[in-house]
Amino acid sequence: MKNAVRMIAAAAVLLLASEIFAQAPAPPFSLKLDVTPGSAKAGANILMEVDLTNNTNERIGVEICSAMRVECNFGVSVLDSHGNSPPETRYLKAVRGEPTGSPNLVVFPSLGPRSIEPGETLKFVTDLPKLFDISRPDRYEIQVEKGNVKSNISQVIVLAP
């Protein structure tokens, strides 16, 4: 009898949770990440491009860095093949307002509101090695996020120079 009551209670909780999850509103925008080239020698430029697309039928507003740089507008996550994050550069730490060591590096991004029309896409770019020390040959997975919206995961293989 106790097991039957537990099973019914568990089923009710699962049903309620699935109903709540199903009603969660879709985010108003999506993020698409592209990293090129897919493989490069250590020290080469590796371009990150992020597309932020308004998926609604209405104009939306977002706060963005006017330089349209990835690092000013998104959280960036990079993991190597062992699940470790490579060291961040002084520049990325400065963008985040974190201490950079001596001499202190300071970056002043210009933030402001921007409206995005329905279906419109804003493009952001940066050079990945400017943000992380990926000089060690390995396979790296990259993802960006803004708020609770995450992009797809892109990969790059860094080869020995």
Protein backbone atom coordinates (compact mmCIF):
# COMPACT_ATOMS: atom_id res chain seq x y z
CA MET A 1 0.00 0.00 0.00
CA LYS A 2 2.80 2.43 0.94
CA ASN A 3 4.54 1.68 -2.37
CA ALA A 4 1.36 2.41 -4.32
CA VAL A 5 0.94 5.75 -2.56
CA ARG A 6 4.58 6.61 -3.24
CA MET A 7 4.21 5.67 -6.91
CA ILE A 8 1.10 7.85 -7.26
CA ALA A 9 2.81 10.76 -5.49
CA ALA A 10 5.90 10.42 -7.69
CA ALA A 11 3.76 10.30 -10.83
CA ALA A 12 1.88 13.42 -9.71
CA VAL A 13 5.13 15.29 -9.09
CA LEU A 14 6.49 14.27 -12.49
CA LEU A 15 3.27 15.29 -14.21
CA LEU A 16 3.27 18.66 -12.48
CA ALA A 17 6.96 19.25 -13.30
CA SER A 18 6.46 18.36 -16.96
CA GLU A 19 3.46 20.73 -17.13
CA ILE A 20 5.46 23.59 -15.61
CA PHE A 21 8.41 22.91 -17.96
CA ALA A 22 6.12 22.79 -20.98
CA GLN A 23 4.70 26.22 -20.10
CA ALA A 24 8.09 27.93 -19.81
CA PRO A 25 8.19 30.70 -22.41
CA ALA A 26 10.66 30.35 -25.23
CA PRO A 27 13.52 32.84 -25.07
CA PRO A 28 12.99 35.86 -27.32
CA PHE A 29 16.30 35.37 -29.12
CA SER A 30 18.64 32.59 -30.16
CA LEU A 31 22.42 32.42 -30.39
CA LYS A 32 24.36 30.70 -33.16
CA LEU A 33 28.13 30.28 -32.80
CA ASP A 34 30.52 29.63 -35.67
CA VAL A 35 34.26 29.14 -35.17
CA THR A 36 36.56 29.21 -38.21
CA PRO A 37 38.75 27.60 -39.24
CA GLY A 38 37.84 24.23 -37.71
CA SER A 39 41.53 23.49 -37.20
CA ALA A 40 44.56 25.76 -37.06
CA LYS A 41 48.14 25.82 -35.89
CA ALA A 42 48.80 27.25 -32.43
CA GLY A 43 49.14 31.02 -32.64
CA ALA A 44 46.88 31.39 -35.68
CA ASN A 45 43.78 33.58 -35.72
CA ILE A 46 40.59 31.67 -34.92
CA LEU A 47 37.51 33.73 -35.64
CA MET A 48 34.42 33.45 -33.43
CA GLU A 49 31.18 34.74 -34.92
CA VAL A 50 27.97 34.90 -32.91
CA ASP A 51 24.57 35.59 -34.45
CA LEU A 52 21.89 36.89 -32.07
CA THR A 53 18.49 36.53 -33.77
CA ASN A 54 15.15 37.93 -32.60
CA ASN A 55 12.76 34.95 -32.74
CA THR A 56 9.64 36.90 -31.81
CA ASN A 57 7.07 38.81 -33.85
CA GLU A 58 7.85 41.98 -31.91
CA ARG A 59 10.77 44.34 -31.51
CA ILE A 60 12.92 43.39 -28.52
CA GLY A 61 15.51 45.38 -26.62
CA VAL A 62 18.89 44.12 -25.46
CA GLU A 63 21.85 45.85 -23.88
CA ILE A 64 24.95 45.42 -26.01
CA CYS A 65 28.49 46.68 -26.25
CA SER A 66 28.63 49.05 -29.19
CA ALA A 67 31.90 47.50 -30.43
CA MET A 68 29.90 44.35 -31.33
CA ARG A 69 32.65 42.19 -29.82
CA VAL A 70 31.78 38.72 -28.52
CA GLU A 71 33.64 39.18 -25.23
CA CYS A 72 31.75 42.38 -24.35
CA ASN A 73 28.32 40.90 -25.03
CA PHE A 74 28.42 37.24 -24.02
CA GLY A 75 29.82 34.85 -21.49
CA VAL A 76 32.33 32.64 -23.28
CA SER A 77 33.10 29.08 -22.18
CA VAL A 78 36.05 27.12 -23.59
CA LEU A 79 36.92 23.56 -22.55
CA ASP A 80 39.77 21.35 -23.72
CA SER A 81 39.44 17.60 -24.40
CA HIS A 82 39.89 16.91 -20.67
CA GLY A 83 37.07 19.27 -19.64
CA ASN A 84 39.44 21.97 -18.37
CA SER A 85 39.18 25.64 -19.21
CA PRO A 86 42.36 27.12 -20.66
CA PRO A 87 43.77 30.24 -18.97
CA GLU A 88 41.96 33.49 -19.71
CA THR A 89 44.01 36.32 -21.18
CA ARG A 90 44.64 39.58 -19.35
CA TYR A 91 42.46 41.27 -21.94
CA LEU A 92 39.41 39.06 -21.18
CA LYS A 93 39.88 39.65 -17.47
CA ALA A 94 40.00 43.40 -18.12
CA VAL A 95 36.80 43.23 -20.17
CA ARG A 96 35.11 41.58 -17.17
CA GLY A 97 36.51 44.22 -14.82
CA GLU A 98 38.71 41.71 -12.99
CA PRO A 99 42.25 42.39 -11.76
CA THR A 100 44.84 41.75 -14.47
CA GLY A 101 48.06 42.02 -12.53
CA SER A 102 50.70 44.68 -12.85
CA PRO A 103 50.51 46.83 -14.81
CA ASN A 104 46.74 46.84 -14.51
CA LEU A 105 44.96 46.62 -17.87
CA VAL A 106 41.66 48.51 -18.05
CA VAL A 107 38.98 48.20 -20.76
CA PHE A 108 35.93 50.47 -20.90
CA PRO A 109 33.26 48.85 -23.06
CA SER A 110 30.52 51.20 -24.21
CA LEU A 111 27.19 49.57 -23.31
CA GLY A 112 23.82 50.75 -24.47
CA PRO A 113 20.32 49.62 -25.41
CA ARG A 114 19.63 48.33 -28.88
CA SER A 115 16.31 47.31 -30.39
CA ILE A 116 16.16 44.32 -32.70
CA GLU A 117 13.33 43.92 -35.20
CA PRO A 118 11.48 40.59 -35.61
CA GLY A 119 13.71 38.14 -37.47
CA GLU A 120 16.68 40.55 -37.39
CA THR A 121 20.14 39.15 -36.64
CA LEU A 122 23.00 41.03 -35.00
CA LYS A 123 26.52 39.73 -35.68
CA PHE A 124 29.37 39.79 -33.17
CA VAL A 125 32.99 38.77 -33.82
CA THR A 126 36.31 38.26 -32.04
CA ASP A 127 39.57 36.35 -32.24
CA LEU A 128 39.41 33.40 -29.82
CA PRO A 129 43.14 33.45 -28.88
CA LYS A 130 42.64 37.05 -27.76
CA LEU A 131 40.40 35.67 -24.98
CA PHE A 132 41.99 32.34 -23.99
CA ASP A 133 45.46 30.81 -24.12
CA ILE A 134 44.77 27.97 -26.55
CA SER A 135 48.39 27.59 -27.63
CA ARG A 136 48.51 23.98 -26.43
CA PRO A 137 47.56 21.52 -29.20
CA ASP A 138 44.17 20.00 -28.31
CA ARG A 139 40.49 19.92 -29.26
CA TYR A 140 38.53 22.78 -27.72
CA GLU A 141 34.77 23.17 -27.32
CA ILE A 142 33.41 26.71 -27.31
CA GLN A 143 29.98 28.00 -26.26
CA VAL A 144 28.60 31.47 -25.57
CA GLU A 145 25.64 32.58 -23.49
CA LYS A 146 23.62 35.69 -22.77
CA GLY A 147 21.40 35.45 -19.71
CA ASN A 148 19.88 31.98 -19.76
CA VAL A 149 20.23 31.55 -23.55
CA LYS A 150 23.13 29.37 -24.73
CA SER A 151 24.52 28.90 -28.20
CA ASN A 152 25.37 25.68 -29.94
CA ILE A 153 28.77 24.18 -29.10
CA SER A 154 31.49 24.65 -31.72
CA GLN A 155 34.82 22.88 -31.84
CA VAL A 156 38.29 23.85 -32.98
CA ILE A 157 41.37 21.68 -33.16
CA VAL A 158 44.63 23.45 -32.36
CA LEU A 159 47.64 21.81 -34.01
CA ALA A 160 51.31 22.06 -33.10
CA PRO A 161 53.02 25.06 -34.77
